[in-house]
Amino acid sequence: MIITELLEKNSRLYGTKVALVEINPSENRDMAVTWRESSLVEGNADAPYRREMTWRGFEGRANRFANLLLSRGIKRGTKVGMLMMNCLEFLPVYFGILKAGCIVVPMNYRYSSDEIKYCLELADVEVLVFGPEFKERMDAIADSIPNVKTLFFAGSGAPDYAEDFFRLVYFCSPAAPPVELTEDDYAAIYFSSGTTGFPKAILHKHRSLISAAMVEQNHHKQTFDDVFLCIPPLYHTGAKMHWFGSLMTGGKAVLLRGVKPEWILRAVTEEKCTIVWLLVPWAQDILDAIDSGRIKLDDYLLDQWRLMHIGAQPVPSSLIQRWKKMFPHHDYDTNYGLSESIGPGCVHLGIENTHKVGAIGKAGYMWETRIVDDKRNDVRPGDVGELAVKGPGVMECYYKNPKATAEVLADGWLFTGDMAKMDEDGFIYLVDRKKDVIITGGENLYPVEIENFLRKHDKIKDVAVIGLPDSRLGEIAGAIIEIKDGMTCTEDEINKFAEGMPRYKRPRKIIFAKVPRNPTGKIEKPLLRKRYCSENLIAEEINH
């Protein structure tokens, strides 16, 4: 089966049912993408807070764009880039690219002009659809991307170097294009999150996409009646592959453009959401807002909310314990994955295993796992090694990078670069990124372990631990600590609290500052190392 066939099935069976809802809590539509120019909007065009789209409308829009591409002579296998914010149009554009037999290349909305140019060149993108939010960044590079032969502007007032996307698709047929696809066709290039340097281009076949949909529906038991609240960016595999569970069943999904706790709970209430995927900071913010009294749960209707799940980064068990205490009727799941394994689900906890909170779980549906040493031999239970995964969603390669591909792929196994250990029951616990391990005086320190301990402090909102240079020990652990709003904390308080850890694991430097995270919730440790790994900068930060 091909992922586009699921869209066609839903259009046929549930054509008049709502597929997607877009909610804009700020009601700021100045920069938002809109289909009004083509008279294709559904719902109340005068109510910018909410827009919706049926399954039939979804497929029709995807077909229109596919037919536009084909009418331009754009051939099968052409790379078509997407530079768009989460919006009602994102997924129809994505599926239109697939339906034309092209390879879709979604791009991070935080990319600078130089990063956009780098990724367009790396992935050999020939066609680009971009939204109005990116006009200034595209202005800066439009004359220096000769490989991009066609640019479509998805907004009002197209710049002179781009064509008006909405005007063009309006005149295209909504009928399915005559393109046959197989699971062996190339489908998508995703970019690595960039937490370890410049992003790599990750090539997947259609087999990966359909397997992701099957994994998601198997793990979270979506039905047609479920309503999925999607907040993270759709350019990333995480959000999209979780939404694939709704695609499998024809259920409604809600795209929320904002992360404030009250906006999340309002969307759950108004749209009757049953499944919500959160990142660690958003879950913390919701709990903190409730604890502080800023949010009163009695103001919301949440009884139908059955599942909260988290992924994209290590999840502190203390956070989930707080969540279960606040929402005892919620099922909970942890999802682990990489863009190289088509996003979440190659390992997951399972809603029946909340007694193992803190673990990322066991091999997901259709997946296998191993934990190996430096020679890629299996380690004993309890020992730390590198996590490897194998399954139908493993990437084909890093596009145009055979050396990097060979470093992580062998005999169908993807070596993730994540250090992990397995308990006596077979549950896997993340220890840290292989590249983030701190070696201090010959001892290995795993920052995630230290971070999880420090997060138990009732004044700490977020924490990141990195290795800082030390002339005697080589490296020492430095903790960048973000304090909860309205609270104050001292270095002595943190050091006293850290006495609950073995001495060698205690951070030697405490820095009070905001912890930067990327759009998928991962701590941006390269940025922190760049900022704080100069001893002068560290001293200056501490003195302040």
Protein backbone atom coordinates (compact mmCIF):
# COMPACT_ATOMS: atom_id res chain seq x y z
CA MET A 1 0.00 0.00 0.00
CA ILE A 2 1.08 3.58 -0.73
CA ILE A 3 0.45 6.45 1.71
CA THR A 4 -1.49 8.41 -0.94
CA GLU A 5 -3.98 5.53 -1.21
CA LEU A 6 -5.04 6.22 2.39
CA LEU A 7 -5.98 9.77 1.44
CA GLU A 8 -7.98 8.49 -1.53
CA LYS A 9 -9.74 5.94 0.69
CA ASN A 10 -10.69 8.60 3.25
CA SER A 11 -11.99 10.90 0.52
CA ARG A 12 -14.14 8.06 -0.80
CA LEU A 13 -15.47 6.86 2.57
CA TYR A 14 -15.54 10.08 4.61
CA GLY A 15 -15.61 12.78 1.93
CA THR A 16 -17.80 15.27 3.83
CA LYS A 17 -16.21 14.62 7.23
CA VAL A 18 -13.65 17.03 8.64
CA ALA A 19 -10.07 15.93 8.06
CA LEU A 20 -8.11 18.92 9.30
CA VAL A 21 -8.74 21.96 11.47
CA GLU A 22 -6.36 24.88 11.78
CA ILE A 23 -6.55 27.01 14.92
CA ASN A 24 -4.79 30.36 15.24
CA PRO A 25 -5.19 31.46 18.86
CA SER A 26 -3.49 34.81 18.30
CA GLU A 27 -5.88 35.56 15.41
CA ASN A 28 -2.98 37.17 13.57
CA ARG A 29 -3.64 36.44 9.92
CA ASP A 30 -1.31 39.04 8.41
CA MET A 31 1.33 36.41 7.70
CA ALA A 32 -0.84 33.31 7.48
CA VAL A 33 -1.22 31.25 4.33
CA THR A 34 -4.77 31.24 2.91
CA TRP A 35 -6.70 29.57 0.12
CA ARG A 36 -9.19 32.46 -0.11
CA GLU A 37 -7.61 33.70 -3.31
CA SER A 38 -8.84 30.54 -5.01
CA SER A 39 -12.25 30.44 -3.33
CA LEU A 40 -11.42 27.03 -1.91
CA VAL A 41 -11.71 27.86 1.78
CA GLU A 42 -14.21 25.88 3.81
CA GLY A 43 -15.88 27.21 6.92
CA ASN A 44 -16.31 30.85 7.84
CA ALA A 45 -13.75 32.93 5.93
CA ASP A 46 -14.44 35.85 8.25
CA ALA A 47 -13.42 33.87 11.36
CA PRO A 48 -9.61 33.71 11.27
CA TYR A 49 -9.45 31.84 14.57
CA ARG A 50 -10.52 28.56 12.96
CA ARG A 51 -10.50 26.99 9.49
CA GLU A 52 -11.35 23.44 8.49
CA MET A 53 -11.05 21.10 5.53
CA THR A 54 -12.94 17.92 4.60
CA TRP A 55 -11.29 14.76 3.35
CA ARG A 56 -12.71 15.41 -0.13
CA GLY A 57 -11.35 18.94 -0.07
CA PHE A 58 -7.99 17.62 1.12
CA GLU A 59 -7.67 15.15 -1.74
CA GLY A 60 -8.90 17.68 -4.30
CA ARG A 61 -6.26 20.20 -3.26
CA ALA A 62 -3.52 17.58 -3.31
CA ASN A 63 -4.61 16.53 -6.81
CA ARG A 64 -4.69 20.13 -8.03
CA PHE A 65 -1.08 20.68 -7.00
CA ALA A 66 0.03 17.33 -8.42
CA ASN A 67 -1.58 18.25 -11.74
CA LEU A 68 0.07 21.67 -11.67
CA LEU A 69 3.47 20.02 -11.30
CA LEU A 70 2.76 17.58 -14.11
CA SER A 71 1.50 20.36 -16.38
CA ARG A 72 4.89 22.05 -16.04
CA GLY A 73 6.70 18.95 -17.26
CA ILE A 74 8.10 18.24 -13.82
CA LYS A 75 9.18 14.65 -13.94
CA ARG A 76 8.90 11.72 -11.60
CA GLY A 77 11.64 11.79 -8.97
CA THR A 78 12.09 15.56 -9.04
CA LYS A 79 12.81 16.99 -5.58
CA VAL A 80 10.17 19.51 -4.53
CA GLY A 81 10.91 21.56 -1.40
CA MET A 82 8.42 22.89 1.14
CA LEU A 83 9.13 25.91 3.32
CA MET A 84 5.86 26.45 5.15
CA MET A 85 4.56 26.91 8.66
CA ASN A 86 1.95 24.54 10.08
CA CYS A 87 -1.26 25.45 8.31
CA LEU A 88 -4.26 23.92 6.58
CA GLU A 89 -2.38 23.87 3.28
CA PHE A 90 0.75 22.05 4.42
CA LEU A 91 -0.47 18.47 4.12
CA PRO A 92 -2.32 18.92 0.78
CA VAL A 93 0.88 20.37 -0.70
CA TYR A 94 2.89 17.47 0.77
CA PHE A 95 0.52 14.88 -0.69
CA GLY A 96 0.31 16.71 -4.01
CA ILE A 97 4.07 16.33 -4.38
CA LEU A 98 3.83 12.60 -3.63
CA LYS A 99 0.89 12.13 -6.02
CA ALA A 100 2.95 13.65 -8.84
CA GLY A 101 5.60 10.99 -8.27
CA CYS A 102 8.02 13.60 -6.96
CA ILE A 103 10.17 13.50 -3.82
CA VAL A 104 8.97 15.86 -1.10
CA VAL A 105 11.59 17.84 0.83
CA PRO A 106 10.13 19.58 3.92
CA MET A 107 12.39 22.21 5.49
CA ASN A 108 12.82 23.59 8.99
CA TYR A 109 11.00 26.91 9.40
CA ARG A 110 13.82 28.20 11.62
CA TYR A 111 16.42 27.94 8.90
CA SER A 112 18.31 31.13 8.07
CA SER A 113 18.76 32.17 4.44
CA ASP A 114 22.15 30.46 4.32
CA GLU A 115 20.76 27.23 5.79
CA ILE A 116 17.86 27.26 3.31
CA LYS A 117 20.32 27.66 0.45
CA TYR A 118 22.55 24.88 1.83
CA CYS A 119 19.65 22.42 2.12
CA LEU A 120 18.19 23.28 -1.29
CA GLU A 121 21.57 22.53 -2.86
CA LEU A 122 22.25 19.43 -0.77
CA ALA A 123 18.91 17.83 -1.71
CA ASP A 124 19.02 18.93 -5.39
CA VAL A 125 15.68 20.71 -5.01
CA GLU A 126 14.33 21.96 -8.36
CA VAL A 127 10.92 23.27 -7.24
CA LEU A 128 10.13 25.14 -4.01
CA VAL A 129 6.83 26.12 -2.40
CA PHE A 130 7.29 28.78 0.28
CA GLY A 131 4.96 30.77 2.49
CA PRO A 132 4.89 34.50 3.20
CA GLU A 133 6.70 34.04 6.50
CA PHE A 134 9.85 33.24 4.49
CA LYS A 135 9.75 36.02 1.90
CA GLU A 136 12.58 38.07 3.41
CA ARG A 137 14.81 35.02 3.77
CA MET A 138 14.08 33.99 0.18
CA ASP A 139 14.66 37.54 -1.08
CA ALA A 140 18.24 37.24 0.17
CA ILE A 141 19.05 34.07 -1.79
CA ALA A 142 16.66 34.05 -4.78
CA ASP A 143 19.47 35.02 -7.18
CA SER A 144 21.91 32.41 -5.86
CA ILE A 145 19.94 29.13 -6.09
CA PRO A 146 20.20 28.25 -9.81
CA ASN A 147 19.25 24.62 -9.19
CA VAL A 148 15.75 25.76 -8.10
CA LYS A 149 14.07 26.35 -11.44
CA THR A 150 10.53 27.01 -10.19
CA LEU A 151 9.37 28.87 -7.08
CA PHE A 152 5.74 28.99 -5.95
CA PHE A 153 4.68 31.61 -3.42
CA ALA A 154 1.83 30.42 -1.16
CA GLY A 155 0.49 33.81 -0.09
CA SER A 156 -0.72 37.18 -1.33
CA GLY A 157 1.52 39.41 -3.41
CA ALA A 158 4.08 37.04 -4.91
CA PRO A 159 7.60 38.48 -5.34
CA ASP A 160 8.77 38.91 -8.93
CA TYR A 161 10.98 35.82 -8.78
CA ALA A 162 8.11 33.49 -7.76
CA GLU A 163 4.71 32.46 -9.13
CA ASP A 164 1.35 32.79 -7.40
CA PHE A 165 0.65 29.31 -6.04
CA PHE A 166 -3.05 29.84 -5.26
CA ARG A 167 -3.96 31.41 -8.58
CA LEU A 168 -2.28 28.58 -10.48
CA VAL A 169 -3.75 25.64 -8.55
CA TYR A 170 -7.24 27.11 -8.89
CA PHE A 171 -7.19 26.35 -12.63
CA CYS A 172 -5.90 22.78 -12.21
CA SER A 173 -8.04 19.66 -12.16
CA PRO A 174 -9.02 18.11 -8.80
CA ALA A 175 -9.00 14.66 -10.42
CA ALA A 176 -6.37 12.13 -9.43
CA PRO A 177 -3.23 12.41 -11.60
CA PRO A 178 -2.27 9.40 -13.77
CA VAL A 179 0.81 8.43 -11.75
CA GLU A 180 1.41 4.91 -10.48
CA LEU A 181 3.54 4.53 -7.34
CA THR A 182 5.11 1.57 -5.57
CA GLU A 183 6.60 1.07 -2.12
CA ASP A 184 10.05 1.03 -3.74
CA ASP A 185 9.70 4.54 -5.15
CA TYR A 186 11.60 7.30 -3.39
CA ALA A 187 9.21 9.51 -1.46
CA ALA A 188 10.84 12.03 0.85
CA ILE A 189 14.01 13.69 2.01
CA TYR A 190 14.00 14.88 5.60
CA PHE A 191 16.81 16.78 7.25
CA SER A 192 18.42 15.73 10.50
CA SER A 193 17.56 18.08 13.34
CA GLY A 194 20.96 19.71 13.32
CA THR A 195 21.67 19.16 17.05
CA THR A 196 25.01 17.61 16.06
CA GLY A 197 26.01 20.08 13.36
CA PHE A 198 24.82 20.98 9.87
CA PRO A 199 21.82 18.87 8.83
CA LYS A 200 22.17 15.77 6.70
CA ALA A 201 19.61 14.84 4.02
CA ILE A 202 17.78 11.60 4.88
CA LEU A 203 16.25 9.70 1.95
CA HIS A 204 13.18 7.49 2.46
CA LYS A 205 11.07 5.33 0.17
CA HIS A 206 7.27 5.09 0.20
CA ARG A 207 7.70 1.90 2.22
CA SER A 208 8.92 3.99 5.14
CA LEU A 209 5.89 6.29 5.07
CA ILE A 210 3.24 3.58 5.05
CA SER A 211 5.08 1.63 7.74
CA ALA A 212 5.05 4.75 9.96
CA ALA A 213 1.27 4.97 9.60
CA MET A 214 0.84 1.31 10.53
CA VAL A 215 3.14 1.64 13.54
CA GLU A 216 1.34 4.72 14.87
CA GLN A 217 -2.13 3.21 14.59
CA ASN A 218 -0.96 -0.04 16.16
CA HIS A 219 0.65 1.69 19.13
CA HIS A 220 -2.08 4.19 19.96
CA LYS A 221 -5.17 2.35 18.73
CA GLN A 222 -6.66 5.29 16.85
CA THR A 223 -10.18 4.92 15.55
CA PHE A 224 -12.30 7.14 13.34
CA ASP A 225 -13.71 8.74 16.50
CA ASP A 226 -10.32 9.90 17.79
CA VAL A 227 -9.32 13.55 17.38
CA PHE A 228 -5.58 14.19 17.32
CA LEU A 229 -4.17 17.55 18.47
CA CYS A 230 -0.99 18.27 16.52
CA ILE A 231 1.21 21.12 17.78
CA PRO A 232 4.83 20.36 16.71
CA PRO A 233 6.05 21.37 13.24
CA LEU A 234 4.86 19.26 10.32
CA TYR A 235 8.16 19.61 8.47
CA HIS A 236 9.59 17.11 10.98
CA THR A 237 8.94 13.38 10.86
CA GLY A 238 7.63 13.32 14.45
CA ALA A 239 4.48 15.40 14.04
CA LYS A 240 3.63 14.09 10.60
CA MET A 241 4.10 10.43 11.42
CA HIS A 242 1.94 10.75 14.53
CA TRP A 243 -0.73 12.35 12.33
CA PHE A 244 -0.45 9.33 10.03
CA GLY A 245 -2.45 7.45 12.68
CA SER A 246 -5.39 9.74 11.88
CA LEU A 247 -4.80 9.22 8.17
CA MET A 248 -5.05 5.46 8.71
CA THR A 249 -8.49 5.73 10.30
CA GLY A 250 -10.03 8.83 8.72
CA GLY A 251 -10.11 10.65 12.06
CA LYS A 252 -9.98 14.41 12.50
CA ALA A 253 -6.75 16.23 13.36
CA VAL A 254 -6.32 19.73 14.74
CA LEU A 255 -3.31 21.88 13.87
CA LEU A 256 -2.75 24.32 16.72
CA ARG A 257 -0.50 27.28 15.93
CA GLY A 258 0.65 28.08 19.43
CA VAL A 259 1.91 26.36 22.58
CA LYS A 260 0.52 28.35 25.51
CA PRO A 261 -1.06 26.02 28.09
CA GLU A 262 -4.43 27.77 27.92
CA TRP A 263 -4.44 27.51 24.12
CA ILE A 264 -3.75 23.77 24.29
CA LEU A 265 -6.50 23.11 26.82
CA ARG A 266 -8.93 25.35 24.95
CA ALA A 267 -8.29 23.42 21.71
CA VAL A 268 -8.79 20.10 23.51
CA THR A 269 -12.08 21.43 24.88
CA GLU A 270 -13.49 23.04 21.72
CA GLU A 271 -12.44 20.31 19.27
CA LYS A 272 -13.05 17.40 21.69
CA CYS A 273 -9.50 16.13 21.23
CA THR A 274 -8.78 12.62 22.50
CA ILE A 275 -5.05 12.29 21.73
CA VAL A 276 -2.43 14.97 22.35
CA TRP A 277 1.27 14.70 21.60
CA LEU A 278 3.36 17.08 23.71
CA LEU A 279 7.00 17.97 24.02
CA VAL A 280 8.55 18.00 27.48
CA PRO A 281 8.56 21.83 27.87
CA TRP A 282 4.87 22.11 26.95
CA ALA A 283 3.83 19.43 29.42
CA GLN A 284 5.87 21.17 32.11
CA ASP A 285 4.26 24.52 31.27
CA ILE A 286 0.76 23.04 31.57
CA LEU A 287 1.51 21.53 34.97
CA ASP A 288 3.20 24.70 36.21
CA ALA A 289 0.24 26.82 35.05
CA ILE A 290 -2.16 24.56 36.94
CA ASP A 291 0.02 24.49 40.06
CA SER A 292 0.31 28.28 40.08
CA GLY A 293 -3.44 28.73 39.73
CA ARG A 294 -3.15 30.55 36.41
CA ILE A 295 -5.15 27.73 34.84
CA LYS A 296 -8.21 26.17 36.47
CA LEU A 297 -9.10 22.77 35.09
CA ASP A 298 -12.77 23.36 35.88
CA ASP A 299 -12.80 25.92 33.07
CA TYR A 300 -12.20 23.20 30.47
CA LEU A 301 -13.97 20.06 29.25
CA LEU A 302 -11.30 17.36 29.17
CA ASP A 303 -13.11 14.10 29.96
CA GLN A 304 -12.74 12.79 26.39
CA TRP A 305 -8.94 13.26 26.43
CA ARG A 306 -7.70 9.65 26.68
CA LEU A 307 -3.99 9.70 25.72
CA MET A 308 -1.05 12.03 26.24
CA HIS A 309 2.22 10.93 24.72
CA ILE A 310 5.68 12.45 24.51
CA GLY A 311 8.70 11.88 22.34
CA ALA A 312 11.59 13.65 20.59
CA GLN A 313 13.78 13.78 23.71
CA PRO A 314 14.46 11.97 27.00
CA VAL A 315 11.43 12.26 29.26
CA PRO A 316 12.01 12.74 33.00
CA SER A 317 10.01 10.18 35.00
CA SER A 318 9.27 12.90 37.56
CA LEU A 319 7.36 14.85 34.90
CA ILE A 320 5.13 11.90 34.04
CA GLN A 321 4.50 11.17 37.71
CA ARG A 322 3.32 14.76 38.10
CA TRP A 323 1.15 14.42 34.99
CA LYS A 324 -0.48 11.18 36.13
CA LYS A 325 -1.23 12.74 39.48
CA MET A 326 -2.93 15.69 37.76
CA PHE A 327 -4.62 13.58 35.03
CA PRO A 328 -5.04 10.09 36.52
CA HIS A 329 -7.42 8.91 33.77
CA HIS A 330 -4.93 9.56 30.95
CA ASP A 331 -3.10 6.78 29.20
CA TYR A 332 0.52 7.66 28.60
CA ASP A 333 3.14 6.57 26.08
CA THR A 334 6.74 7.49 25.37
CA ASN A 335 7.81 7.33 21.74
CA TYR A 336 11.38 7.07 20.54
CA GLY A 337 12.60 7.48 17.00
CA LEU A 338 14.82 9.37 14.60
CA SER A 339 14.26 10.93 11.20
CA GLU A 340 16.56 8.15 9.98
CA SER A 341 13.94 5.66 11.22
CA ILE A 342 11.03 7.73 9.81
CA GLY A 343 10.28 9.35 13.13
CA PRO A 344 8.60 7.98 16.25
CA GLY A 345 7.76 4.41 17.08
CA CYS A 346 10.77 2.19 16.45
CA VAL A 347 10.83 1.98 20.25
CA HIS A 348 7.89 2.85 22.47
CA LEU A 349 6.85 2.33 26.07
CA GLY A 350 3.28 1.16 25.47
CA ILE A 351 0.21 2.48 27.25
CA GLU A 352 0.08 -0.67 29.37
CA ASN A 353 3.57 -0.09 30.80
CA THR A 354 3.31 3.11 32.82
CA HIS A 355 4.95 1.24 35.70
CA LYS A 356 8.12 1.52 33.59
CA VAL A 357 7.99 5.29 33.12
CA GLY A 358 11.53 6.49 32.57
CA ALA A 359 12.20 3.81 29.97
CA ILE A 360 11.67 4.49 26.27
CA GLY A 361 10.24 0.97 26.07
CA LYS A 362 10.74 -1.99 23.82
CA ALA A 363 10.96 -2.51 20.06
CA GLY A 364 7.93 -1.06 18.33
CA TYR A 365 5.52 -2.80 15.97
CA MET A 366 7.53 -4.43 13.12
CA TRP A 367 10.85 -3.26 14.67
CA GLU A 368 13.87 -4.99 16.27
CA THR A 369 16.41 -3.53 18.70
CA ARG A 370 19.94 -4.26 19.92
CA ILE A 371 22.35 -2.58 22.32
CA VAL A 372 25.96 -2.97 21.22
CA ASP A 373 29.51 -2.10 22.22
CA ASP A 374 32.09 -0.23 20.11
CA LYS A 375 32.68 -3.38 18.04
CA ARG A 376 28.90 -3.75 17.52
CA ASN A 377 28.66 -6.87 19.65
CA ASP A 378 25.63 -7.17 21.91
CA VAL A 379 26.23 -6.05 25.49
CA ARG A 380 24.84 -7.74 28.59
CA PRO A 381 21.58 -6.51 30.17
CA GLY A 382 22.35 -3.58 32.43
CA ASP A 383 25.46 -2.51 30.50
CA VAL A 384 25.53 0.71 28.53
CA GLY A 385 25.97 0.52 24.77
CA GLU A 386 24.75 2.04 21.52
CA LEU A 387 21.12 1.47 20.54
CA ALA A 388 20.58 -0.05 17.09
CA VAL A 389 17.20 -0.51 15.39
CA LYS A 390 16.00 -2.48 12.37
CA GLY A 391 12.67 -2.28 10.61
CA PRO A 392 10.72 -1.17 7.52
CA GLY A 393 11.19 2.53 8.29
CA VAL A 394 14.98 2.64 8.20
CA MET A 395 16.25 5.24 5.71
CA GLU A 396 17.81 4.33 2.39
CA CYS A 397 20.82 6.55 2.97
CA TYR A 398 22.11 9.98 3.74
CA TYR A 399 21.60 11.54 0.33
CA LYS A 400 24.92 12.16 -1.45
CA ASN A 401 26.86 11.18 1.67
CA PRO A 402 28.02 7.54 1.39
CA LYS A 403 30.66 7.96 4.11
CA ALA A 404 28.10 9.09 6.73
CA THR A 405 25.70 6.37 5.54
CA ALA A 406 28.30 3.64 6.03
CA GLU A 407 28.96 4.87 9.56
CA VAL A 408 25.37 4.22 10.70
CA LEU A 409 23.94 1.49 8.42
CA ALA A 410 25.06 -2.14 8.39
CA ASP A 411 23.09 -5.28 7.46
CA GLY A 412 19.81 -3.41 7.74
CA TRP A 413 20.62 -2.08 11.22
CA LEU A 414 20.61 1.63 11.97
CA PHE A 415 23.12 2.55 14.66
CA THR A 416 21.46 5.50 16.32
CA GLY A 417 24.30 7.18 18.21
CA ASP A 418 22.16 7.00 21.36
CA MET A 419 23.64 5.31 24.40
CA ALA A 420 21.18 3.05 26.23
CA LYS A 421 20.86 0.11 28.58
CA MET A 422 18.28 -2.64 29.01
CA ASP A 423 16.79 -3.82 32.30
CA GLU A 424 15.99 -7.39 33.33
CA ASP A 425 12.50 -7.11 31.79
CA GLY A 426 13.79 -6.02 28.40
CA PHE A 427 12.89 -2.34 28.71
CA ILE A 428 15.35 0.12 27.19
CA TYR A 429 16.51 3.27 28.96
CA LEU A 430 18.23 6.10 27.14
CA VAL A 431 21.44 7.19 28.79
CA ASP A 432 22.62 9.88 26.38
CA ARG A 433 23.83 10.77 22.91
CA LYS A 434 27.14 9.07 22.18
CA LYS A 435 28.65 12.46 21.28
CA ASP A 436 27.32 14.08 24.47
CA VAL A 437 29.01 11.70 26.92
CA ILE A 438 31.32 13.63 29.25
CA ILE A 439 34.64 11.98 30.15
CA THR A 440 35.91 13.48 33.38
CA GLY A 441 39.06 12.08 34.95
CA GLY A 442 38.52 8.81 33.06
CA GLU A 443 34.89 8.42 34.24
CA ASN A 444 31.98 8.47 31.78
CA LEU A 445 29.20 10.89 32.77
CA TYR A 446 25.85 10.72 31.02
CA PRO A 447 24.25 14.18 30.99
CA VAL A 448 20.68 12.86 30.76
CA GLU A 449 21.07 11.08 34.11
CA ILE A 450 22.23 14.30 35.76
CA GLU A 451 19.50 16.34 34.04
CA ASN A 452 16.78 13.95 35.20
CA PHE A 453 17.99 14.18 38.78
CA LEU A 454 18.18 17.99 38.81
CA ARG A 455 14.71 18.34 37.28
CA LYS A 456 13.29 16.97 40.52
CA HIS A 457 14.18 20.27 42.20
CA ASP A 458 10.93 22.17 42.61
CA LYS A 459 12.44 25.46 41.35
CA ILE A 460 13.97 24.09 38.15
CA LYS A 461 11.99 24.48 34.94
CA ASP A 462 14.60 23.06 32.56
CA VAL A 463 18.22 21.96 32.65
CA ALA A 464 20.95 21.00 30.22
CA VAL A 465 24.25 19.41 31.18
CA ILE A 466 27.28 19.71 28.91
CA GLY A 467 31.00 19.00 29.17
CA LEU A 468 33.15 22.02 29.89
CA PRO A 469 36.94 22.04 29.35
CA ASP A 470 39.09 21.47 32.43
CA SER A 471 42.89 21.47 32.45
CA ARG A 472 43.15 18.73 35.10
CA LEU A 473 40.19 16.41 34.41
CA GLY A 474 39.80 17.02 30.69
CA GLU A 475 36.09 17.80 31.07
CA ILE A 476 33.73 18.61 33.89
CA ALA A 477 29.95 18.62 33.98
CA GLY A 478 28.36 22.05 33.68
CA ALA A 479 24.64 22.52 34.32
CA ILE A 480 22.74 25.28 32.53
CA ILE A 481 19.65 25.76 34.68
CA GLU A 482 16.45 27.59 33.81
CA ILE A 483 14.45 28.56 36.88
CA LYS A 484 10.64 28.56 36.95
CA ASP A 485 8.95 31.89 36.35
CA GLY A 486 8.63 34.02 39.47
CA MET A 487 11.16 32.01 41.47
CA THR A 488 14.72 32.70 42.56
CA CYS A 489 17.42 30.17 43.25
CA THR A 490 21.07 30.19 44.26
CA GLU A 491 24.05 28.10 43.28
CA ASP A 492 24.30 26.88 46.88
CA GLU A 493 20.73 25.54 46.70
CA ILE A 494 21.54 23.56 43.56
CA ASN A 495 24.78 22.21 44.97
CA LYS A 496 23.05 21.14 48.17
CA PHE A 497 20.35 19.36 46.16
CA ALA A 498 23.00 17.68 43.98
CA GLU A 499 24.45 15.99 47.07
CA GLY A 500 21.84 13.32 46.42
CA MET A 501 24.01 12.14 43.51
CA PRO A 502 27.38 10.37 43.71
CA ARG A 503 30.12 12.98 44.02
CA TYR A 504 31.66 12.33 40.58
CA LYS A 505 28.28 12.98 38.88
CA ARG A 506 27.61 16.33 40.51
CA PRO A 507 27.92 19.33 38.18
CA ARG A 508 31.06 21.36 38.86
CA LYS A 509 29.70 24.52 37.24
CA ILE A 510 26.22 26.01 37.65
CA ILE A 511 25.02 28.55 35.07
CA PHE A 512 21.60 30.16 35.41
CA ALA A 513 20.26 30.81 31.90
CA LYS A 514 17.49 29.82 29.49
CA VAL A 515 17.82 26.33 28.00
CA PRO A 516 17.46 26.57 24.20
CA ARG A 517 15.45 23.87 22.44
CA ASN A 518 14.83 23.36 18.74
CA PRO A 519 11.26 23.14 17.30
CA THR A 520 11.12 19.40 18.01
CA GLY A 521 11.99 19.90 21.68
CA LYS A 522 15.60 18.73 21.65
CA ILE A 523 18.11 20.70 23.69
CA GLU A 524 20.48 22.57 21.39
CA LYS A 525 23.68 21.37 23.01
CA PRO A 526 26.02 22.45 20.18
CA LEU A 527 24.77 26.00 20.74
CA LEU A 528 25.39 25.68 24.49
CA ARG A 529 28.87 24.29 23.95
CA LYS A 530 29.67 27.14 21.58
CA ARG A 531 28.35 29.63 24.11
CA TYR A 532 29.90 28.25 27.30
CA CYS A 533 32.94 26.14 26.43
CA SER A 534 35.24 29.15 26.59
CA GLU A 535 36.48 29.47 30.18
CA ASN A 536 36.26 33.26 29.87
CA LEU A 537 32.61 33.05 28.88
CA ILE A 538 31.89 30.66 31.72
CA ALA A 539 33.54 32.94 34.25
CA GLU A 540 31.70 35.96 32.87
CA GLU A 541 28.34 34.15 33.02
CA ILE A 542 28.89 32.96 36.58
CA ASN A 543 30.03 36.39 37.76
CA HIS A 544 26.81 37.87 36.48
